[in-house]
Structures are given as C-alpha cells and as structure tokens.
Amino acid sequence: MDISHSYTGRFAPSPTGPLHLGSLVCALGSYLDAVAHGGTWLVRMEDLDPPREEPGAAGRILDSLRAHGLHWQGPLDWQSRRHDRYEEILATLAERDLLYPCRCTRAQIRRAGGHDNSGCRGTAPADGPAALRLKSAGGEESFEDIWQGPQTQPIRDDTILRRKDGLYAYQLAVVTDDIDRGVSHVVRGADLLETTGAQQFLFRLLGSEPPQFGHLPLVMGPDNHQKLSKQNGAPAIDDRRAPENLCTALDFLGFRVPAELALEAPAQILSWAVARWQRRQLDLRNRQLTEKPS
C-alpha cells in the first residue's frame, strides 16, 4: 500500500509546561515520519485538565515548535473547545447501554485487582460525583506497532470516559479527535504504549478503523529510571538554540549527524533529516540524551 496519499499524523502536547528535549524528540519523530511519507502533520493542544495546566504554557509550546521549524498543516485544534463533541459521543454510547456511573474509590479498585461493571460498587444511587465508565473489560486487542512489533493487550478495566470531577478523560478525547481529523498514524512516546489497546477498542466501537501506532523510545531523566519530564526537573528547551536542539534530537532518533549541520537553519536541518528518515534506523532503547546510539 502506498501510504503517501493517506498519511495524517499529529503531535498532541499537554500545556502542563513548556517543551523540553524529551518532548522535542517526540514531536520531531512524528513530524519526520509524516513528512517523509508525503503525509500531513497536525498539532492538537490537549488542554483538558485546567488544574494541571501552567499559565502561558500552550503559547510557549507553539512558539517552540515554530522556532524549530516544526510547522503544522491545517487548523490547530484545542480540546477545551470540543466539549460539545465529546458530550455527543457520550450520548451515543449511553443510547447503546455501553456506559455506567462509577463511584468506586481507587483503593476499592486496587483491592479488586481491576474494575468492570459487574464488580462496580457505584451502580446504586448514591450521593457524590460519579465517573462514567465504558463497558470494555474482558477482551483483548492486538496490533502491529511500527517499532515495538506485535502487541496483544488485555483490557482489564472498564475505561473511564468522564472523570468524577466532570472533566472529559484522555481516552475519550484522543480517540474522538483522531477520528474527526482522519488521523491515520499515531507516533508518540513509548510511555503511552499500554493505553493503545483500550483506545483501539473505542475506535472500533465508534465504527472507525484504528490508526497505525508507532511508539518511540523515551528520553530518560537524570536517574535513568523515569522519562524526562517537567516533574523530574527537565528544563525548557532554549528556542535560541534550535539548530543544536534539533541535532541532539536527531542523534537520539538514530541519525549520524554531521557536526556542521548544527550551523544550518532549522528548515535546512529538517530537510536533511526528512531525506534520510528510515524507520529501521531508530535505536529503540529508552536512554538519556548523553548516551549515543550504538
């Protein structure tokens, strides 16, 4: 199949802080795979969780993408402006008797070793807020990941689609948005690999073919046990050093980057990388940036 005429990819950051080098690697990997296959690359701001958002972070993320030459095609999507669409999907699922309210605590779920409708303690009328769960536990989903290979994931829990605090859950929003934008390929960090089965189940439930998933290796933090993140002290990328940042990210993705490339403008660096992008070159190890590909 020639995917050049059917590839739509995307990068979907959450505005909980500015971009760091780990998130730049993810953005760059998704961009290169889309552009090298003649596809479209979109950006979506996943601003669904106001309590966790950092003021001004969304603008800083977009400025950093532009500074590094990572220009998206098509409209910029904001999840905070799509609540009506998410409610429409919930109503459709409710009409099919696929949702139920859940007031179980995390401790109850942990003691039960999972959660499904039959074991829910929150189905009877009760005071207090309730999450909305999708009847999904008990099955399994299989898929071929671009880099991680064949995957089979059992679905052990009924997926939360709306949280107890009333906020729409990540799984609902990301699947709805990918369907509506016609996303055909999802390239993202390997920390999201375990969520893929539940998402694929929801794609099929909503009558859509799931995208092709590809999970990139993670840039690890200083302790080499957790991925690099704002929570473990990852500094914001310096947009004034965009050429150097891009070359560092390319090195992590498996490129043999000539030293003189860092003297070029971001557009020239990206053009160089697109012409040389090969999926098989990727070093699949989660590692720190200082560790060179072998």
C-alpha atoms as a PDB file:
ATOM      1  CA  MET A   1       0.000   0.000   0.000  1.00  0.00           C
ATOM      2  CA  ASP A   2       1.274   3.472  -0.858  1.00  0.00           C
ATOM      3  CA  ILE A   3       0.707   5.399   2.369  1.00  0.00           C
ATOM      4  CA  SER A   4       1.833   8.738   0.919  1.00  0.00           C
ATOM      5  CA  HIS A   5      -1.727   9.555  -0.125  1.00  0.00           C
ATOM      6  CA  SER A   6      -3.337   8.510   3.148  1.00  0.00           C
ATOM      7  CA  TYR A   7      -0.970   9.543   5.923  1.00  0.00           C
ATOM      8  CA  THR A   8      -2.240  12.016   8.523  1.00  0.00           C
ATOM      9  CA  GLY A   9      -0.132  12.268  11.662  1.00  0.00           C
ATOM     10  CA  ARG A  10      -0.244  14.523  14.667  1.00  0.00           C
ATOM     11  CA  PHE A  11       1.591  15.830  17.721  1.00  0.00           C
ATOM     12  CA  ALA A  12      -0.592  16.423  20.768  1.00  0.00           C
ATOM     13  CA  PRO A  13       1.147  18.122  23.714  1.00  0.00           C
ATOM     14  CA  SER A  14      -0.488  18.951  27.030  1.00  0.00           C
ATOM     15  CA  PRO A  15       0.122  22.522  28.282  1.00  0.00           C
ATOM     16  CA  THR A  16       1.406  21.461  31.699  1.00  0.00           C
ATOM     17  CA  GLY A  17       4.717  23.145  30.962  1.00  0.00           C
ATOM     18  CA  PRO A  18       6.977  24.222  28.081  1.00  0.00           C
ATOM     19  CA  LEU A  19       8.604  21.777  25.704  1.00  0.00           C
ATOM     20  CA  HIS A  20      11.772  20.043  26.905  1.00  0.00           C
ATOM     21  CA  LEU A  21      14.162  17.921  24.873  1.00  0.00           C
ATOM     22  CA  GLY A  22      12.184  14.739  25.513  1.00  0.00           C
ATOM     23  CA  SER A  23       9.023  16.249  24.082  1.00  0.00           C
ATOM     24  CA  LEU A  24      11.014  17.716  21.181  1.00  0.00           C
ATOM     25  CA  VAL A  25      12.211  14.198  20.292  1.00  0.00           C
ATOM     26  CA  CYS A  26       8.589  13.020  20.195  1.00  0.00           C
ATOM     27  CA  ALA A  27       7.448  15.996  18.114  1.00  0.00           C
ATOM     28  CA  LEU A  28      10.355  15.574  15.710  1.00  0.00           C
ATOM     29  CA  GLY A  29       9.810  11.828  15.304  1.00  0.00           C
ATOM     30  CA  SER A  30       6.138  12.273  14.481  1.00  0.00           C
ATOM     31  CA  TYR A  31       6.910  15.143  12.105  1.00  0.00           C
ATOM     32  CA  LEU A  32       9.636  13.277  10.207  1.00  0.00           C
ATOM     33  CA  ASP A  33       7.597  10.111   9.793  1.00  0.00           C
ATOM     34  CA  ALA A  34       4.664  12.096   8.408  1.00  0.00           C
ATOM     35  CA  VAL A  35       6.600  14.362   6.071  1.00  0.00           C
ATOM     36  CA  ALA A  36       8.931  11.614   4.828  1.00  0.00           C
ATOM     37  CA  HIS A  37       5.856   9.616   3.800  1.00  0.00           C
ATOM     38  CA  GLY A  38       4.319  12.567   1.979  1.00  0.00           C
ATOM     39  CA  GLY A  39       1.681  12.989   4.662  1.00  0.00           C
ATOM     40  CA  THR A  40       0.049  15.754   6.656  1.00  0.00           C
ATOM     41  CA  TRP A  41       1.239  16.694  10.158  1.00  0.00           C
ATOM     42  CA  LEU A  42      -1.238  18.225  12.587  1.00  0.00           C
ATOM     43  CA  VAL A  43      -0.923  19.735  16.061  1.00  0.00           C
ATOM     44  CA  ARG A  44      -3.557  19.434  18.771  1.00  0.00           C
ATOM     45  CA  MET A  45      -3.393  21.086  22.176  1.00  0.00           C
ATOM     46  CA  GLU A  46      -4.658  18.612  24.778  1.00  0.00           C
ATOM     47  CA  ASP A  47      -5.857  21.216  27.267  1.00  0.00           C
ATOM     48  CA  LEU A  48      -8.465  19.103  29.029  1.00  0.00           C
ATOM     49  CA  ASP A  49      -7.185  19.403  32.592  1.00  0.00           C
ATOM     50  CA  PRO A  50      -7.109  23.051  33.730  1.00  0.00           C
ATOM     51  CA  PRO A  51      -5.880  22.280  37.287  1.00  0.00           C
ATOM     52  CA  ARG A  52      -2.683  20.770  35.842  1.00  0.00           C
ATOM     53  CA  GLU A  53      -2.043  23.408  33.202  1.00  0.00           C
ATOM     54  CA  GLU A  54       0.655  26.041  33.524  1.00  0.00           C
ATOM     55  CA  PRO A  55      -0.405  29.567  32.532  1.00  0.00           C
ATOM     56  CA  GLY A  56       1.141  30.521  29.222  1.00  0.00           C
ATOM     57  CA  ALA A  57       2.486  27.021  28.523  1.00  0.00           C
ATOM     58  CA  ALA A  58       0.351  26.456  25.422  1.00  0.00           C
ATOM     59  CA  GLY A  59       1.699  29.584  23.771  1.00  0.00           C
ATOM     60  CA  ARG A  60       5.274  28.691  24.687  1.00  0.00           C
ATOM     61  CA  ILE A  61       4.865  25.203  23.207  1.00  0.00           C
ATOM     62  CA  LEU A  62       3.584  26.599  19.919  1.00  0.00           C
ATOM     63  CA  ASP A  63       6.357  29.204  19.817  1.00  0.00           C
ATOM     64  CA  SER A  64       8.955  26.460  20.367  1.00  0.00           C
ATOM     65  CA  LEU A  65       7.543  24.326  17.555  1.00  0.00           C
ATOM     66  CA  ARG A  66       7.692  27.289  15.183  1.00  0.00           C
ATOM     67  CA  ALA A  67      11.229  28.218  16.303  1.00  0.00           C
ATOM     68  CA  HIS A  68      12.368  24.680  15.467  1.00  0.00           C
ATOM     69  CA  GLY A  69      10.716  24.747  12.032  1.00  0.00           C
ATOM     70  CA  LEU A  70       8.006  22.263  13.029  1.00  0.00           C
ATOM     71  CA  HIS A  71       5.099  23.906  11.221  1.00  0.00           C
ATOM     72  CA  TRP A  72       1.808  22.062  11.224  1.00  0.00           C
ATOM     73  CA  GLN A  73      -0.696  21.885   8.398  1.00  0.00           C
ATOM     74  CA  GLY A  74      -4.390  22.525   8.807  1.00  0.00           C
ATOM     75  CA  PRO A  75      -6.132  24.135  11.778  1.00  0.00           C
ATOM     76  CA  LEU A  76      -4.749  23.995  15.300  1.00  0.00           C
ATOM     77  CA  ASP A  77      -7.122  22.007  17.496  1.00  0.00           C
ATOM     78  CA  TRP A  78      -7.859  22.764  21.152  1.00  0.00           C
ATOM     79  CA  GLN A  79      -9.582  20.053  23.165  1.00  0.00           C
ATOM     80  CA  SER A  80     -11.041  22.657  25.514  1.00  0.00           C
ATOM     81  CA  ARG A  81     -13.192  23.881  22.608  1.00  0.00           C
ATOM     82  CA  ARG A  82     -14.619  20.457  21.761  1.00  0.00           C
ATOM     83  CA  HIS A  83     -16.683  19.656  24.840  1.00  0.00           C
ATOM     84  CA  ASP A  84     -19.916  19.534  22.848  1.00  0.00           C
ATOM     85  CA  ARG A  85     -18.415  16.906  20.565  1.00  0.00           C
ATOM     86  CA  TYR A  86     -17.287  14.753  23.497  1.00  0.00           C
ATOM     87  CA  GLU A  87     -20.741  15.010  25.042  1.00  0.00           C
ATOM     88  CA  GLU A  88     -22.247  13.921  21.740  1.00  0.00           C
ATOM     89  CA  ILE A  89     -20.086  10.772  21.745  1.00  0.00           C
ATOM     90  CA  LEU A  90     -21.040  10.019  25.353  1.00  0.00           C
ATOM     91  CA  ALA A  91     -24.719  10.358  24.475  1.00  0.00           C
ATOM     92  CA  THR A  92     -24.286   7.934  21.566  1.00  0.00           C
ATOM     93  CA  LEU A  93     -22.595   5.375  23.797  1.00  0.00           C
ATOM     94  CA  ALA A  94     -25.237   5.818  26.505  1.00  0.00           C
ATOM     95  CA  GLU A  95     -28.008   5.134  23.982  1.00  0.00           C
ATOM     96  CA  ARG A  96     -26.266   1.821  23.267  1.00  0.00           C
ATOM     97  CA  ASP A  97     -26.171   0.994  27.004  1.00  0.00           C
ATOM     98  CA  LEU A  98     -22.372   0.996  26.983  1.00  0.00           C
ATOM     99  CA  LEU A  99     -21.811   3.447  29.861  1.00  0.00           C
ATOM    100  CA  TYR A 100     -22.420   3.315  33.588  1.00  0.00           C
ATOM    101  CA  PRO A 101     -21.697   5.595  36.570  1.00  0.00           C
ATOM    102  CA  CYS A 102     -18.930   4.533  38.932  1.00  0.00           C
ATOM    103  CA  ARG A 103     -18.259   5.867  42.413  1.00  0.00           C
ATOM    104  CA  CYS A 104     -15.636   3.297  43.365  1.00  0.00           C
ATOM    105  CA  THR A 105     -12.523   4.573  45.079  1.00  0.00           C
ATOM    106  CA  ARG A 106      -9.018   3.811  43.876  1.00  0.00           C
ATOM    107  CA  ALA A 107      -8.479   1.706  46.982  1.00  0.00           C
ATOM    108  CA  GLN A 108     -11.518  -0.433  46.178  1.00  0.00           C
ATOM    109  CA  ILE A 109     -10.360  -0.945  42.599  1.00  0.00           C
ATOM    110  CA  ARG A 110      -6.837  -1.790  43.729  1.00  0.00           C
ATOM    111  CA  ARG A 111      -8.112  -4.391  46.185  1.00  0.00           C
ATOM    112  CA  ALA A 112     -10.309  -5.923  43.475  1.00  0.00           C
ATOM    113  CA  GLY A 113      -7.379  -6.144  41.051  1.00  0.00           C
ATOM    114  CA  GLY A 114      -9.256  -4.317  38.314  1.00  0.00           C
ATOM    115  CA  HIS A 115     -12.653  -2.902  37.541  1.00  0.00           C
ATOM    116  CA  ASP A 116     -15.664  -3.873  35.454  1.00  0.00           C
ATOM    117  CA  ASN A 117     -19.403  -3.325  35.539  1.00  0.00           C
ATOM    118  CA  SER A 118     -20.208  -6.476  37.490  1.00  0.00           C
ATOM    119  CA  GLY A 119     -17.866  -5.507  40.309  1.00  0.00           C
ATOM    120  CA  CYS A 120     -18.772  -1.835  40.468  1.00  0.00           C
ATOM    121  CA  ARG A 121     -19.928  -0.629  43.860  1.00  0.00           C
ATOM    122  CA  GLY A 122     -21.198   2.615  42.435  1.00  0.00           C
ATOM    123  CA  THR A 123     -24.130   1.462  40.301  1.00  0.00           C
ATOM    124  CA  ALA A 124     -26.723   2.021  43.034  1.00  0.00           C
ATOM    125  CA  PRO A 125     -27.911   5.586  43.636  1.00  0.00           C
ATOM    126  CA  ALA A 126     -25.543   7.381  45.971  1.00  0.00           C
ATOM    127  CA  ASP A 127     -24.506  10.858  46.914  1.00  0.00           C
ATOM    128  CA  GLY A 128     -21.421  12.384  45.416  1.00  0.00           C
ATOM    129  CA  PRO A 129     -19.917  12.601  41.950  1.00  0.00           C
ATOM    130  CA  ALA A 130     -19.512   9.605  39.672  1.00  0.00           C
ATOM    131  CA  ALA A 131     -17.194   8.781  36.815  1.00  0.00           C
ATOM    132  CA  LEU A 132     -18.593   7.452  33.563  1.00  0.00           C
ATOM    133  CA  ARG A 133     -17.064   4.144  32.501  1.00  0.00           C
ATOM    134  CA  LEU A 134     -17.237   2.287  29.206  1.00  0.00           C
ATOM    135  CA  LYS A 135     -18.148  -1.401  29.309  1.00  0.00           C
ATOM    136  CA  SER A 136     -14.927  -2.683  27.805  1.00  0.00           C
ATOM    137  CA  ALA A 137     -13.151  -5.023  30.229  1.00  0.00           C
ATOM    138  CA  GLY A 138     -12.656  -8.668  29.419  1.00  0.00           C
ATOM    139  CA  GLY A 139     -11.476  -8.510  25.841  1.00  0.00           C
ATOM    140  CA  GLU A 140      -8.095  -8.013  24.273  1.00  0.00           C
ATOM    141  CA  GLU A 141      -6.724  -6.019  21.385  1.00  0.00           C
ATOM    142  CA  SER A 142      -3.873  -6.911  19.050  1.00  0.00           C
ATOM    143  CA  PHE A 143      -1.943  -4.610  16.742  1.00  0.00           C
ATOM    144  CA  GLU A 144       1.398  -4.287  14.987  1.00  0.00           C
ATOM    145  CA  ASP A 145       3.378  -1.356  16.335  1.00  0.00           C
ATOM    146  CA  ILE A 146       5.733   0.332  13.865  1.00  0.00           C
ATOM    147  CA  TRP A 147       8.711  -0.022  16.205  1.00  0.00           C
ATOM    148  CA  GLN A 148       7.600  -2.178  19.124  1.00  0.00           C
ATOM    149  CA  GLY A 149       6.322  -5.004  16.925  1.00  0.00           C
ATOM    150  CA  PRO A 150       3.307  -7.286  17.546  1.00  0.00           C
ATOM    151  CA  GLN A 151       1.283  -6.388  20.628  1.00  0.00           C
ATOM    152  CA  THR A 152      -1.582  -8.109  22.410  1.00  0.00           C
ATOM    153  CA  GLN A 153      -3.133  -6.159  25.271  1.00  0.00           C
ATOM    154  CA  PRO A 154      -5.894  -7.483  27.541  1.00  0.00           C
ATOM    155  CA  ILE A 155      -8.406  -4.849  28.638  1.00  0.00           C
ATOM    156  CA  ARG A 156      -8.650  -5.413  32.383  1.00  0.00           C
ATOM    157  CA  ASP A 157     -10.606  -2.316  33.370  1.00  0.00           C
ATOM    158  CA  ASP A 158     -13.686  -0.562  32.078  1.00  0.00           C
ATOM    159  CA  THR A 159     -12.243   2.633  30.641  1.00  0.00           C
ATOM    160  CA  ILE A 160     -13.129   5.958  32.267  1.00  0.00           C
ATOM    161  CA  LEU A 161     -14.521   8.384  29.679  1.00  0.00           C
ATOM    162  CA  ARG A 162     -15.574  11.163  32.053  1.00  0.00           C
ATOM    163  CA  ARG A 163     -13.930  11.665  35.401  1.00  0.00           C
ATOM    164  CA  LYS A 164     -15.584  12.160  38.772  1.00  0.00           C
ATOM    165  CA  ASP A 165     -14.684  15.853  38.666  1.00  0.00           C
ATOM    166  CA  GLY A 166     -16.668  16.210  35.421  1.00  0.00           C
ATOM    167  CA  LEU A 167     -13.645  16.594  33.151  1.00  0.00           C
ATOM    168  CA  TYR A 168     -13.549  14.542  29.959  1.00  0.00           C
ATOM    169  CA  ALA A 169     -10.995  11.755  30.118  1.00  0.00           C
ATOM    170  CA  TYR A 170      -7.974  11.447  27.862  1.00  0.00           C
ATOM    171  CA  GLN A 171      -9.144   8.219  26.217  1.00  0.00           C
ATOM    172  CA  LEU A 172     -12.453   9.720  25.078  1.00  0.00           C
ATOM    173  CA  ALA A 173     -10.935  12.941  23.789  1.00  0.00           C
ATOM    174  CA  VAL A 174      -7.937  11.486  21.972  1.00  0.00           C
ATOM    175  CA  VAL A 175      -9.958   8.859  20.095  1.00  0.00           C
ATOM    176  CA  THR A 176     -12.720  11.311  19.169  1.00  0.00           C
ATOM    177  CA  ASP A 177     -10.214  13.882  17.929  1.00  0.00           C
ATOM    178  CA  ASP A 178      -8.239  11.353  15.891  1.00  0.00           C
ATOM    179  CA  ILE A 179     -11.426  10.095  14.252  1.00  0.00           C
ATOM    180  CA  ASP A 180     -12.670  13.583  13.417  1.00  0.00           C
ATOM    181  CA  ARG A 181      -9.319  14.646  11.928  1.00  0.00           C
ATOM    182  CA  GLY A 182      -8.836  11.429   9.977  1.00  0.00           C
ATOM    183  CA  VAL A 183      -5.579  10.613  11.758  1.00  0.00           C
ATOM    184  CA  SER A 184      -4.102   7.504  10.165  1.00  0.00           C
ATOM    185  CA  HIS A 185      -0.775   7.250  12.040  1.00  0.00           C
ATOM    186  CA  VAL A 186      -0.057   7.996  15.701  1.00  0.00           C
ATOM    187  CA  VAL A 187       3.649   8.367  16.500  1.00  0.00           C
ATOM    188  CA  ARG A 188       4.239   9.085  20.184  1.00  0.00           C
ATOM    189  CA  GLY A 189       6.306   8.100  23.227  1.00  0.00           C
ATOM    190  CA  ALA A 190       6.549   4.519  24.450  1.00  0.00           C
ATOM    191  CA  ASP A 191       5.031   5.517  27.807  1.00  0.00           C
ATOM    192  CA  LEU A 192       1.653   5.535  26.028  1.00  0.00           C
ATOM    193  CA  LEU A 193       2.024   2.062  24.540  1.00  0.00           C
ATOM    194  CA  GLU A 194      -0.064   0.433  27.279  1.00  0.00           C
ATOM    195  CA  THR A 195      -3.041   2.718  26.580  1.00  0.00           C
ATOM    196  CA  THR A 196      -3.262   1.645  22.942  1.00  0.00           C
ATOM    197  CA  GLY A 197      -5.453  -1.445  23.343  1.00  0.00           C
ATOM    198  CA  ALA A 198      -8.195   0.465  25.153  1.00  0.00           C
ATOM    199  CA  GLN A 199      -8.050   3.215  22.534  1.00  0.00           C
ATOM    200  CA  GLN A 200      -8.201   0.743  19.674  1.00  0.00           C
ATOM    201  CA  PHE A 201     -11.278  -0.863  21.258  1.00  0.00           C
ATOM    202  CA  LEU A 202     -13.007   2.528  21.377  1.00  0.00           C
ATOM    203  CA  PHE A 203     -12.080   3.299  17.758  1.00  0.00           C
ATOM    204  CA  ARG A 204     -13.779   0.102  16.654  1.00  0.00           C
ATOM    205  CA  LEU A 205     -16.768   0.673  18.915  1.00  0.00           C
ATOM    206  CA  LEU A 206     -17.296   4.049  17.227  1.00  0.00           C
ATOM    207  CA  GLY A 207     -17.132   2.451  13.780  1.00  0.00           C
ATOM    208  CA  SER A 208     -13.666   3.696  12.828  1.00  0.00           C
ATOM    209  CA  GLU A 209     -10.557   1.866  11.731  1.00  0.00           C
ATOM    210  CA  PRO A 210      -7.796   2.453  14.333  1.00  0.00           C
ATOM    211  CA  PRO A 211      -4.691   4.294  13.150  1.00  0.00           C
ATOM    212  CA  GLN A 212      -1.296   2.682  12.754  1.00  0.00           C
ATOM    213  CA  PHE A 213       0.544   3.183  16.041  1.00  0.00           C
ATOM    214  CA  GLY A 214       4.264   3.721  16.474  1.00  0.00           C
ATOM    215  CA  HIS A 215       5.858   4.241  19.887  1.00  0.00           C
ATOM    216  CA  LEU A 216       9.202   5.992  20.083  1.00  0.00           C
ATOM    217  CA  PRO A 217      11.857   5.312  22.736  1.00  0.00           C
ATOM    218  CA  LEU A 218      11.820   7.606  25.751  1.00  0.00           C
ATOM    219  CA  VAL A 219      14.392  10.189  26.743  1.00  0.00           C
ATOM    220  CA  MET A 220      15.168   9.303  30.344  1.00  0.00           C
ATOM    221  CA  GLY A 221      15.646  11.703  33.230  1.00  0.00           C
ATOM    222  CA  PRO A 222      18.717  12.164  35.451  1.00  0.00           C
ATOM    223  CA  ASP A 223      18.026   8.999  37.459  1.00  0.00           C
ATOM    224  CA  ASN A 224      17.611   6.932  34.256  1.00  0.00           C
ATOM    225  CA  HIS A 225      14.508   5.300  35.783  1.00  0.00           C
ATOM    226  CA  GLN A 226      11.800   7.765  34.756  1.00  0.00           C
ATOM    227  CA  LYS A 227      11.268   9.538  31.466  1.00  0.00           C
ATOM    228  CA  LEU A 228      12.497  13.099  31.208  1.00  0.00           C
ATOM    229  CA  SER A 229       9.653  15.361  32.306  1.00  0.00           C
ATOM    230  CA  LYS A 230       8.877  18.626  33.980  1.00  0.00           C
ATOM    231  CA  GLN A 231       8.142  16.705  37.187  1.00  0.00           C
ATOM    232  CA  ASN A 232      11.720  15.447  37.414  1.00  0.00           C
ATOM    233  CA  GLY A 233      13.353  18.725  36.572  1.00  0.00           C
ATOM    234  CA  ALA A 234      13.562  18.782  32.773  1.00  0.00           C
ATOM    235  CA  PRO A 235      14.479  22.325  31.713  1.00  0.00           C
ATOM    236  CA  ALA A 236      12.557  24.072  28.965  1.00  0.00           C
ATOM    237  CA  ILE A 237      14.264  23.990  25.592  1.00  0.00           C
ATOM    238  CA  ASP A 238      16.027  27.190  24.620  1.00  0.00           C
ATOM    239  CA  ASP A 239      14.454  28.315  21.344  1.00  0.00           C
ATOM    240  CA  ARG A 240      17.567  30.382  20.597  1.00  0.00           C
ATOM    241  CA  ARG A 241      19.494  27.102  20.265  1.00  0.00           C
ATOM    242  CA  ALA A 242      17.028  25.479  17.864  1.00  0.00           C
ATOM    243  CA  PRO A 243      19.662  24.076  15.435  1.00  0.00           C
ATOM    244  CA  GLU A 244      21.598  22.426  18.271  1.00  0.00           C
ATOM    245  CA  ASN A 245      18.388  21.112  19.855  1.00  0.00           C
ATOM    246  CA  LEU A 246      17.305  19.552  16.572  1.00  0.00           C
ATOM    247  CA  CYS A 247      20.662  17.880  16.066  1.00  0.00           C
ATOM    248  CA  THR A 248      20.575  16.480  19.613  1.00  0.00           C
ATOM    249  CA  ALA A 249      17.088  15.088  18.989  1.00  0.00           C
ATOM    250  CA  LEU A 250      18.150  13.647  15.617  1.00  0.00           C
ATOM    251  CA  ASP A 251      21.100  11.924  17.261  1.00  0.00           C
ATOM    252  CA  PHE A 252      18.720  10.325  19.764  1.00  0.00           C
ATOM    253  CA  LEU A 253      16.491   9.134  16.920  1.00  0.00           C
ATOM    254  CA  GLY A 254      19.389   7.265  15.352  1.00  0.00           C
ATOM    255  CA  PHE A 255      20.795   9.715  12.804  1.00  0.00           C
ATOM    256  CA  ARG A 256      24.522  10.113  12.262  1.00  0.00           C
ATOM    257  CA  VAL A 257      24.534  13.876  12.480  1.00  0.00           C
ATOM    258  CA  PRO A 258      27.500  15.727  10.956  1.00  0.00           C
ATOM    259  CA  ALA A 259      28.836  18.455  13.241  1.00  0.00           C
ATOM    260  CA  GLU A 260      28.401  21.139  10.604  1.00  0.00           C
ATOM    261  CA  LEU A 261      24.638  20.514  10.447  1.00  0.00           C
ATOM    262  CA  ALA A 262      24.184  22.470  13.681  1.00  0.00           C
ATOM    263  CA  LEU A 263      25.336  25.578  11.791  1.00  0.00           C
ATOM    264  CA  GLU A 264      22.320  25.394   9.463  1.00  0.00           C
ATOM    265  CA  ALA A 265      18.866  26.921   9.939  1.00  0.00           C
ATOM    266  CA  PRO A 266      16.060  24.664  11.267  1.00  0.00           C
ATOM    267  CA  ALA A 267      14.425  24.418   7.836  1.00  0.00           C
ATOM    268  CA  GLN A 268      17.629  23.070   6.289  1.00  0.00           C
ATOM    269  CA  ILE A 269      18.188  20.637   9.161  1.00  0.00           C
ATOM    270  CA  LEU A 270      14.664  19.267   8.809  1.00  0.00           C
ATOM    271  CA  SER A 271      15.031  18.958   5.046  1.00  0.00           C
ATOM    272  CA  TRP A 272      18.267  16.987   5.586  1.00  0.00           C
ATOM    273  CA  ALA A 273      16.522  14.685   8.075  1.00  0.00           C
ATOM    274  CA  VAL A 274      13.379  14.106   6.003  1.00  0.00           C
ATOM    275  CA  ALA A 275      15.517  12.977   3.062  1.00  0.00           C
ATOM    276  CA  ARG A 276      17.287  10.421   5.292  1.00  0.00           C
ATOM    277  CA  TRP A 277      14.448   9.238   7.542  1.00  0.00           C
ATOM    278  CA  GLN A 278      14.238   5.447   7.755  1.00  0.00           C
ATOM    279  CA  ARG A 279      12.125   3.746  10.367  1.00  0.00           C
ATOM    280  CA  ARG A 280      14.585   0.891  10.753  1.00  0.00           C
ATOM    281  CA  GLN A 281      17.363   3.238  11.899  1.00  0.00           C
ATOM    282  CA  LEU A 282      15.647   4.024  15.191  1.00  0.00           C
ATOM    283  CA  ASP A 283      17.501   2.998  18.353  1.00  0.00           C
ATOM    284  CA  LEU A 284      14.699   1.501  20.456  1.00  0.00           C
ATOM    285  CA  ARG A 285      16.396   1.850  23.842  1.00  0.00           C
ATOM    286  CA  ASN A 286      14.975   4.210  26.438  1.00  0.00           C
ATOM    287  CA  ARG A 287      18.041   6.190  27.469  1.00  0.00           C
ATOM    288  CA  GLN A 288      19.454   9.542  28.431  1.00  0.00           C
ATOM    289  CA  LEU A 289      20.399  12.013  25.757  1.00  0.00           C
ATOM    290  CA  THR A 290      24.078  11.755  26.623  1.00  0.00           C
ATOM    291  CA  GLU A 291      24.134   8.085  25.602  1.00  0.00           C
ATOM    292  CA  LYS A 292      24.854   7.814  21.892  1.00  0.00           C
ATOM    293  CA  PRO A 293      23.122   5.278  19.641  1.00  0.00           C
ATOM    294  CA  SER A 294      25.227   2.168  19.140  1.00  0.00           C
END
